[in-house]
Amino acid sequence: MLEGVNVALGVSGSIAAVKTVELAHELRRRGASVRAVMTDSARHIIHPWSLEFATENDVVTEITGGVEHVELCGYDGWADVLLIAPATANTVGKIAGAVDDTPVTTCATTALGADTPVVIAPAMHEPMYDHPGVLEAIETLDDWGVAFVDPRIEEGKAKIASEEAIVCETARAAGERPLASEHVVVTSGATSEPIDPVRVLTNRSSGRMGRAVARACYVRGADVTLVHGVVGPHSLQRSSPVAGLSGGDSGVALPYASVEQVETAAELLEATLEACSTADALVSAAAIGDYTLEPSAEKLRSGAERTLDLEPTAKVIDEVRDRHPDLPIVGFKAETTGDDEAMIEAARKTLERADLTFVVANDASVMGSDRTRALLVHAENAARYEGTKAGLSGEIADSIAVVLTDESSR
């Protein structure tokens, strides 16, 4: 996500500065090179040696005759983006007023003058965040093009955003945004059909692929709506916690998408049709159950032979295509044959039936895994991909950007 990106990490004197060692590590895990800049107040909370260790670079703690602010954030400076995390009320107000009395605020003034992207992750007590002067400063900086990563309001504090949110916003600010002003709808996860109040009919989809596509589209500038089903059953070894996406939680919040949480295939269809009314593209990555049934109001007793009357569910991409004849749609096709030619043939049938832009064909064995092997099947050709789902999601997002650019130029 941040491969080849140089991040200048500004740290100010919030207690959240203790989180910056792990933040620096996470930025580097995502491919970034990081150099830290600290205020005197931050140095009272975390020692510069900690950030030197985390970044493997010297830490700027004062502006000297080496004009570190210009070397980092000036014209042709080292940094591709200045990330200030955490940013105190004091620091936010000073940046809006062009007050340069710390290494961090001096770097910010330099970056804004040199048109270097700036991302700010505030962290302070909630009354400070609600101060009219702070809110006015945030509005001013927003007007100047500064990206803010909204804090989490908890326990009377405006706590620093999650590492994922900060990394996503940093990548979005630092990179090209070919999907800017585009609305992309992504479906993800499994659907679940109730058999009775206890049992369900579902599948093994984890939703990782769809979430990765949503994240990749957001980083490229899109507004993303994620219609997410449940997370299918996996062994403990292959499962990983997904905050708010274990099913049944309507209060899901992801930093890169507006989430519509659904459970059944009918709910997913309804939510997708509604979201697509304003969409520029749809990526249908959800593993939608092929069958539903009339659930029993009472728990079915075990031990007896039983027959379930299954009825086919609606094909979401077909329903969307009927409503939106010109909408670019990317489909997914999971097979179990393991044979590339068979997967291409099955994908092409879906491609032609629903007039899709292209289809991502993969083997069902990748469900729940971080890695995948897939075929991107177009009308005239098919490209093979093997690697992480994050890498594949980037390929998909880039392809969508090309399609939408071509359409807008017609």
Protein backbone atom coordinates (compact mmCIF):
# COMPACT_ATOMS: atom_id res chain seq x y z
CA MET A 1 0.00 0.00 0.00
CA LEU A 2 2.89 2.37 0.76
CA GLU A 3 5.60 0.74 -1.30
CA GLY A 4 8.28 3.31 -2.16
CA VAL A 5 6.61 6.12 -0.18
CA ASN A 6 8.70 8.34 2.10
CA VAL A 7 6.76 9.36 5.23
CA ALA A 8 7.91 12.16 7.55
CA LEU A 9 6.24 11.30 10.86
CA GLY A 10 5.63 14.35 13.07
CA VAL A 11 5.05 13.54 16.73
CA SER A 12 3.64 16.15 19.13
CA GLY A 13 3.08 16.09 22.88
CA SER A 14 -0.06 14.02 23.31
CA ILE A 15 0.04 10.91 25.49
CA ALA A 16 -0.86 9.08 22.28
CA ALA A 17 2.78 9.58 21.29
CA VAL A 18 3.40 6.26 23.03
CA LYS A 19 1.65 4.60 20.07
CA THR A 20 3.98 6.02 17.45
CA VAL A 21 6.59 3.26 17.72
CA GLU A 22 4.02 0.71 16.57
CA LEU A 23 2.64 3.17 14.00
CA ALA A 24 6.12 3.60 12.54
CA HIS A 25 6.49 -0.17 12.37
CA GLU A 26 3.11 -0.50 10.63
CA LEU A 27 3.97 2.16 8.06
CA ARG A 28 7.15 0.25 7.29
CA ARG A 29 5.32 -3.08 7.13
CA ARG A 30 3.16 -1.52 4.42
CA GLY A 31 6.26 -0.55 2.45
CA ALA A 32 7.04 3.01 3.58
CA SER A 33 10.35 4.54 4.60
CA VAL A 34 9.87 6.65 7.75
CA ARG A 35 11.78 9.52 9.35
CA ALA A 36 10.48 11.00 12.60
CA VAL A 37 10.29 14.63 13.76
CA MET A 38 9.49 15.41 17.41
CA THR A 39 8.45 18.39 19.50
CA ASP A 40 10.07 19.02 22.88
CA SER A 41 6.77 18.04 24.53
CA ALA A 42 6.73 14.72 22.70
CA ARG A 43 10.24 13.99 23.98
CA HIS A 44 8.87 14.14 27.55
CA ILE A 45 6.51 11.28 26.66
CA ILE A 46 8.61 9.04 24.40
CA HIS A 47 12.36 9.01 23.96
CA PRO A 48 13.73 9.80 20.48
CA TRP A 49 15.75 6.59 20.65
CA SER A 50 12.48 4.62 20.50
CA LEU A 51 11.56 6.21 17.18
CA GLU A 52 15.12 5.92 15.94
CA PHE A 53 14.84 2.18 16.58
CA ALA A 54 11.38 1.96 14.98
CA THR A 55 12.30 3.92 11.85
CA GLU A 56 15.99 2.96 11.55
CA ASN A 57 16.65 6.65 10.86
CA ASP A 58 17.92 9.58 12.91
CA VAL A 59 15.15 11.57 14.60
CA VAL A 60 14.82 15.33 14.09
CA THR A 61 14.41 17.01 17.49
CA GLU A 62 15.53 20.52 16.52
CA ILE A 63 15.93 22.62 13.41
CA THR A 64 19.61 23.39 12.91
CA GLY A 65 21.77 24.92 10.23
CA GLY A 66 21.06 21.75 8.26
CA VAL A 67 17.53 23.17 7.62
CA GLU A 68 15.98 19.77 8.32
CA HIS A 69 12.45 21.05 7.59
CA VAL A 70 13.43 22.00 4.03
CA GLU A 71 15.40 18.81 3.47
CA LEU A 72 12.40 16.78 4.57
CA CYS A 73 9.36 18.71 3.35
CA GLY A 74 10.52 21.51 1.04
CA TYR A 75 10.59 21.66 -2.74
CA ASP A 76 12.14 18.38 -3.89
CA GLY A 77 12.30 17.31 -0.23
CA TRP A 78 12.73 13.72 0.92
CA ALA A 79 9.15 13.24 2.12
CA ASP A 80 6.27 12.27 -0.14
CA VAL A 81 3.86 13.01 2.70
CA LEU A 82 4.02 14.61 6.16
CA LEU A 83 2.00 12.63 8.69
CA ILE A 84 1.46 14.32 12.06
CA ALA A 85 0.32 11.69 14.54
CA PRO A 86 -0.59 12.48 17.20
CA ALA A 87 -1.44 16.14 16.70
CA THR A 88 -2.38 18.13 19.81
CA ALA A 89 -4.79 21.08 19.87
CA ASN A 90 -1.75 23.29 20.28
CA THR A 91 -0.08 21.88 17.17
CA VAL A 92 -3.23 22.02 15.02
CA GLY A 93 -3.82 25.68 15.96
CA LYS A 94 -0.21 26.63 15.28
CA ILE A 95 -0.20 25.00 11.84
CA ALA A 96 -3.37 26.89 10.89
CA GLY A 97 -1.75 30.12 12.05
CA ALA A 98 1.64 29.44 10.39
CA VAL A 99 3.34 29.51 13.81
CA ASP A 100 6.71 27.76 13.57
CA ASP A 101 8.10 27.23 17.05
CA THR A 102 8.59 23.45 17.02
CA PRO A 103 10.26 21.12 14.51
CA VAL A 104 6.85 19.64 13.69
CA THR A 105 5.06 22.93 13.00
CA THR A 106 8.04 24.19 11.01
CA CYS A 107 7.90 21.06 8.85
CA ALA A 108 4.15 21.57 8.42
CA THR A 109 4.50 25.18 7.23
CA THR A 110 7.24 24.09 4.83
CA ALA A 111 5.17 21.17 3.51
CA LEU A 112 2.10 23.31 2.94
CA GLY A 113 4.16 25.91 1.10
CA ALA A 114 5.85 23.25 -1.04
CA ASP A 115 2.56 21.45 -1.79
CA THR A 116 3.72 18.31 0.00
CA PRO A 117 0.65 16.34 1.17
CA VAL A 118 -0.10 16.65 4.89
CA VAL A 119 -2.12 14.20 6.99
CA ILE A 120 -3.09 15.01 10.60
CA ALA A 121 -4.33 12.55 13.23
CA PRO A 122 -5.58 14.60 16.21
CA ALA A 123 -5.46 13.28 19.78
CA MET A 124 -6.58 15.30 22.80
CA HIS A 125 -9.28 15.50 25.46
CA GLU A 126 -12.75 15.83 23.97
CA PRO A 127 -13.47 19.36 25.32
CA MET A 128 -10.28 20.56 23.63
CA TYR A 129 -11.36 18.95 20.36
CA ASP A 130 -14.70 20.77 20.69
CA HIS A 131 -13.07 24.16 21.29
CA PRO A 132 -14.33 26.58 18.61
CA GLY A 133 -10.79 27.72 17.85
CA VAL A 134 -9.61 24.15 17.31
CA LEU A 135 -12.62 23.39 15.10
CA GLU A 136 -11.97 26.56 13.13
CA ALA A 137 -8.31 25.58 12.70
CA ILE A 138 -9.32 22.12 11.47
CA GLU A 139 -11.75 23.69 8.99
CA THR A 140 -9.05 26.06 7.76
CA LEU A 141 -6.56 23.26 7.25
CA ASP A 142 -9.20 21.13 5.55
CA ASP A 143 -9.82 24.00 3.12
CA TRP A 144 -6.08 24.03 2.42
CA GLY A 145 -6.19 20.37 1.42
CA VAL A 146 -4.90 18.83 4.64
CA ALA A 147 -6.32 15.35 5.23
CA PHE A 148 -7.60 14.59 8.74
CA VAL A 149 -7.93 11.14 10.28
CA ASP A 150 -10.86 11.58 12.64
CA PRO A 151 -10.21 10.56 16.24
CA ARG A 152 -12.24 8.00 18.17
CA ILE A 153 -14.45 9.74 20.74
CA GLU A 154 -14.32 7.54 23.83
CA GLU A 155 -14.31 8.14 27.60
CA GLY A 156 -14.26 11.92 27.23
CA LYS A 157 -11.24 11.79 24.94
CA ALA A 158 -10.65 12.30 21.25
CA LYS A 159 -8.33 9.31 20.96
CA ILE A 160 -5.95 8.88 18.08
CA ALA A 161 -7.40 6.89 15.16
CA SER A 162 -6.47 3.28 14.54
CA GLU A 163 -3.25 2.41 12.76
CA GLU A 164 -5.27 1.07 9.82
CA ALA A 165 -7.14 4.37 9.47
CA ILE A 166 -3.93 6.40 9.63
CA VAL A 167 -2.14 4.15 7.14
CA CYS A 168 -5.07 4.25 4.70
CA GLU A 169 -5.31 8.05 4.83
CA THR A 170 -1.55 8.40 4.44
CA ALA A 171 -1.55 6.13 1.39
CA ARG A 172 -4.51 8.02 -0.10
CA ALA A 173 -2.77 11.37 0.40
CA ALA A 174 0.62 10.24 -0.90
CA GLY A 175 -0.47 8.32 -3.99
CA GLU A 176 -2.19 8.94 -7.28
CA ARG A 177 -5.98 9.12 -7.03
CA PRO A 178 -7.36 7.90 -10.36
CA LEU A 179 -10.69 7.07 -8.69
CA ALA A 180 -11.20 10.52 -7.16
CA SER A 181 -14.88 11.57 -7.21
CA GLU A 182 -15.93 8.02 -8.16
CA HIS A 183 -18.38 6.01 -6.05
CA VAL A 184 -17.45 2.33 -5.96
CA VAL A 185 -19.73 -0.27 -4.38
CA VAL A 186 -18.11 -3.50 -3.17
CA THR A 187 -19.91 -6.57 -1.86
CA SER A 188 -18.01 -8.85 0.48
CA GLY A 189 -18.27 -11.77 2.86
CA ALA A 190 -20.72 -14.64 3.01
CA THR A 191 -24.48 -14.66 3.21
CA SER A 192 -26.30 -16.68 5.83
CA GLU A 193 -29.78 -18.15 5.52
CA PRO A 194 -31.53 -19.10 8.79
CA ILE A 195 -32.75 -22.68 9.06
CA ASP A 196 -34.17 -22.15 12.53
CA PRO A 197 -33.37 -19.73 15.40
CA VAL A 198 -30.07 -21.59 15.98
CA ARG A 199 -28.83 -22.99 12.67
CA VAL A 200 -27.87 -21.31 9.41
CA LEU A 201 -26.96 -22.23 5.86
CA THR A 202 -23.78 -20.38 4.87
CA ASN A 203 -20.36 -20.75 3.22
CA ARG A 204 -16.66 -20.32 4.04
CA SER A 205 -16.04 -16.80 2.73
CA SER A 206 -14.05 -14.58 5.11
CA GLY A 207 -14.66 -11.33 3.20
CA ARG A 208 -10.92 -10.55 3.08
CA MET A 209 -10.88 -10.13 -0.68
CA GLY A 210 -13.80 -7.72 -0.76
CA ARG A 211 -12.41 -5.65 2.10
CA ALA A 212 -9.04 -5.50 0.36
CA VAL A 213 -10.72 -4.25 -2.84
CA ALA A 214 -12.66 -1.63 -0.89
CA ARG A 215 -9.45 -0.45 0.79
CA ALA A 216 -7.56 -0.32 -2.53
CA CYS A 217 -10.32 1.74 -4.16
CA TYR A 218 -10.37 4.15 -1.21
CA VAL A 219 -6.60 4.64 -1.33
CA ARG A 220 -7.00 5.51 -5.02
CA GLY A 221 -9.45 8.27 -4.14
CA ALA A 222 -12.87 6.62 -4.39
CA ASP A 223 -15.83 7.00 -2.08
CA VAL A 224 -16.57 3.38 -1.18
CA THR A 225 -19.73 1.65 0.00
CA LEU A 226 -19.04 -1.85 1.35
CA VAL A 227 -22.05 -4.18 1.51
CA HIS A 228 -20.73 -6.83 3.87
CA GLY A 229 -22.24 -10.15 4.82
CA VAL A 230 -21.19 -12.45 7.61
CA VAL A 231 -17.72 -13.96 8.07
CA GLY A 232 -17.93 -17.64 7.20
CA PRO A 233 -16.71 -20.50 9.41
CA HIS A 234 -12.97 -21.09 9.52
CA SER A 235 -10.65 -23.01 11.77
CA LEU A 236 -9.02 -21.00 14.55
CA GLN A 237 -5.68 -21.17 12.71
CA ARG A 238 -7.09 -19.53 9.55
CA SER A 239 -9.37 -17.02 11.24
CA SER A 240 -8.39 -13.50 12.23
CA PRO A 241 -10.39 -10.94 14.20
CA VAL A 242 -12.33 -8.48 12.08
CA ALA A 243 -13.70 -5.71 14.26
CA GLY A 244 -17.44 -5.39 13.90
CA LEU A 245 -17.70 -7.94 11.10
CA SER A 246 -18.46 -11.09 13.02
CA GLY A 247 -22.10 -10.74 12.12
CA GLY A 248 -25.11 -9.05 13.64
CA ASP A 249 -23.39 -5.76 14.39
CA SER A 250 -25.07 -2.86 12.66
CA GLY A 251 -22.55 -0.40 14.08
CA VAL A 252 -19.68 -1.46 11.82
CA ALA A 253 -17.05 1.20 11.17
CA LEU A 254 -14.17 0.83 8.74
CA PRO A 255 -11.85 3.73 7.92
CA TYR A 256 -12.01 3.20 4.16
CA ALA A 257 -15.70 2.58 3.50
CA SER A 258 -19.26 3.25 4.49
CA VAL A 259 -20.44 -0.19 5.60
CA GLU A 260 -23.86 -1.72 5.09
CA GLN A 261 -24.00 -4.88 7.22
CA VAL A 262 -26.31 -7.61 5.89
CA GLU A 263 -26.93 -11.26 6.58
CA THR A 264 -29.13 -12.94 3.99
CA ALA A 265 -28.87 -12.96 0.21
CA ALA A 266 -32.10 -10.96 -0.02
CA GLU A 267 -30.71 -8.30 2.32
CA LEU A 268 -27.49 -8.13 0.33
CA LEU A 269 -29.41 -7.71 -2.92
CA GLU A 270 -31.56 -4.93 -1.48
CA ALA A 271 -28.59 -3.05 -0.02
CA THR A 272 -26.57 -3.44 -3.22
CA LEU A 273 -29.36 -2.19 -5.45
CA GLU A 274 -29.80 0.85 -3.21
CA ALA A 275 -26.07 1.61 -3.13
CA CYS A 276 -25.77 1.19 -6.91
CA SER A 277 -28.32 3.94 -7.53
CA THR A 278 -25.44 6.42 -7.19
CA ALA A 279 -22.53 4.12 -8.07
CA ASP A 280 -19.94 4.48 -10.82
CA ALA A 281 -18.83 0.85 -10.51
CA LEU A 282 -19.70 -2.35 -8.65
CA VAL A 283 -17.29 -5.07 -7.52
CA SER A 284 -19.32 -8.15 -6.62
CA ALA A 285 -16.87 -10.06 -4.41
CA ALA A 286 -19.36 -11.49 -1.90
CA ALA A 287 -19.90 -15.24 -1.75
CA ILE A 288 -23.67 -15.12 -2.06
CA GLY A 289 -25.49 -18.31 -1.11
CA ASP A 290 -27.22 -20.02 -4.02
CA TYR A 291 -30.12 -21.26 -1.91
CA THR A 292 -32.48 -20.05 0.77
CA LEU A 293 -35.35 -21.65 2.64
CA GLU A 294 -38.34 -20.89 4.82
CA PRO A 295 -36.93 -20.94 8.37
CA SER A 296 -38.59 -22.76 11.20
CA ALA A 297 -39.87 -20.54 14.01
CA GLU A 298 -38.81 -23.18 16.54
CA LYS A 299 -35.50 -24.99 16.91
CA LEU A 300 -35.53 -28.20 14.90
CA ARG A 301 -34.94 -31.21 17.12
CA SER A 302 -31.84 -33.23 16.38
CA GLY A 303 -31.64 -36.97 15.77
CA ALA A 304 -34.33 -37.31 13.12
CA GLU A 305 -33.84 -37.46 9.37
CA ARG A 306 -34.95 -34.24 7.79
CA THR A 307 -35.34 -32.79 4.32
CA LEU A 308 -34.89 -29.07 3.71
CA ASP A 309 -36.75 -27.46 0.82
CA LEU A 310 -34.22 -25.12 -0.79
CA GLU A 311 -35.11 -22.36 -3.19
CA PRO A 312 -32.62 -20.55 -5.45
CA THR A 313 -31.64 -17.01 -4.50
CA ALA A 314 -31.61 -14.15 -6.99
CA LYS A 315 -28.40 -13.50 -8.94
CA VAL A 316 -27.25 -10.12 -7.65
CA ILE A 317 -25.20 -9.14 -10.71
CA ASP A 318 -28.14 -10.00 -12.98
CA GLU A 319 -30.54 -7.90 -10.91
CA VAL A 320 -28.11 -4.96 -10.85
CA ARG A 321 -27.52 -5.26 -14.59
CA ASP A 322 -31.29 -5.12 -15.23
CA ARG A 323 -31.55 -1.89 -13.20
CA HIS A 324 -28.30 -0.34 -14.44
CA PRO A 325 -27.53 -1.41 -18.03
CA ASP A 326 -24.38 0.73 -18.34
CA LEU A 327 -22.82 0.26 -14.89
CA PRO A 328 -19.32 -1.30 -14.97
CA ILE A 329 -19.50 -4.51 -12.92
CA VAL A 330 -16.62 -6.73 -11.84
CA GLY A 331 -17.67 -10.26 -10.96
CA PHE A 332 -16.01 -13.06 -9.00
CA LYS A 333 -16.24 -16.74 -9.83
CA ALA A 334 -15.05 -19.43 -7.39
CA GLU A 335 -14.48 -22.96 -8.69
CA THR A 336 -13.15 -26.17 -7.17
CA THR A 337 -11.68 -27.86 -10.26
CA GLY A 338 -8.21 -26.38 -9.90
CA ASP A 339 -8.01 -26.29 -13.69
CA ASP A 340 -7.29 -22.88 -15.22
CA GLU A 341 -9.04 -23.54 -18.51
CA ALA A 342 -12.18 -24.71 -16.73
CA MET A 343 -12.14 -21.60 -14.53
CA ILE A 344 -11.72 -19.34 -17.57
CA GLU A 345 -14.60 -21.05 -19.35
CA ALA A 346 -16.90 -20.69 -16.30
CA ALA A 347 -15.87 -17.06 -15.86
CA ARG A 348 -16.55 -16.25 -19.52
CA LYS A 349 -20.07 -17.64 -19.24
CA THR A 350 -20.76 -15.29 -16.33
CA LEU A 351 -19.03 -12.43 -18.16
CA GLU A 352 -21.26 -12.81 -21.19
CA ARG A 353 -24.48 -13.52 -19.29
CA ALA A 354 -24.36 -10.33 -17.20
CA ASP A 355 -22.28 -8.18 -19.58
CA LEU A 356 -19.53 -7.75 -16.99
CA THR A 357 -16.40 -5.64 -17.35
CA PHE A 358 -14.24 -8.57 -16.26
CA VAL A 359 -14.40 -11.56 -13.92
CA VAL A 360 -11.92 -12.61 -11.23
CA ALA A 361 -11.83 -16.41 -11.25
CA ASN A 362 -10.19 -18.27 -8.39
CA ASP A 363 -10.12 -21.61 -6.68
CA ALA A 364 -12.38 -21.94 -3.64
CA SER A 365 -9.43 -23.20 -1.60
CA VAL A 366 -8.23 -19.57 -1.11
CA MET A 367 -11.25 -18.72 1.05
CA GLY A 368 -10.01 -17.42 4.39
CA SER A 369 -6.40 -17.14 3.25
CA ASP A 370 -4.29 -13.97 2.92
CA ARG A 371 -2.93 -15.21 -0.40
CA THR A 372 -4.70 -16.10 -3.62
CA ARG A 373 -4.21 -17.40 -7.11
CA ALA A 374 -6.60 -15.84 -9.57
CA LEU A 375 -7.35 -15.26 -13.24
CA LEU A 376 -8.58 -11.85 -14.41
CA VAL A 377 -10.81 -12.88 -17.27
CA HIS A 378 -11.74 -10.32 -19.92
CA ALA A 379 -13.68 -10.84 -23.13
CA GLU A 380 -10.52 -11.30 -25.21
CA ASN A 381 -7.87 -12.43 -22.73
CA ALA A 382 -7.10 -13.69 -19.24
CA ALA A 383 -4.25 -12.59 -16.97
CA ARG A 384 -2.89 -14.78 -14.18
CA TYR A 385 -2.15 -13.43 -10.71
CA GLU A 386 -0.53 -15.15 -7.75
CA GLY A 387 0.25 -13.34 -4.51
CA THR A 388 -1.53 -11.56 -1.68
CA LYS A 389 -5.14 -10.52 -1.79
CA ALA A 390 -3.98 -6.97 -1.11
CA GLY A 391 -1.87 -7.11 -4.27
CA LEU A 392 -4.75 -8.51 -6.31
CA SER A 393 -7.07 -5.82 -4.96
CA GLY A 394 -4.67 -3.18 -6.28
CA GLU A 395 -4.78 -4.77 -9.74
CA ILE A 396 -8.58 -4.75 -9.63
CA ALA A 397 -8.78 -1.11 -8.47
CA ASP A 398 -6.32 -0.01 -11.16
CA SER A 399 -8.36 -1.83 -13.82
CA ILE A 400 -11.55 -0.13 -12.63
CA ALA A 401 -9.80 3.24 -12.85
CA VAL A 402 -8.80 2.54 -16.46
CA VAL A 403 -12.36 1.54 -17.35
CA LEU A 404 -13.90 4.64 -15.78
CA THR A 405 -11.30 6.92 -17.38
CA ASP A 406 -12.01 5.40 -20.79
CA GLU A 407 -15.75 5.87 -20.29
CA SER A 408 -15.41 9.52 -19.23
CA SER A 409 -13.29 10.30 -22.30
CA ARG A 410 -15.93 9.07 -24.72
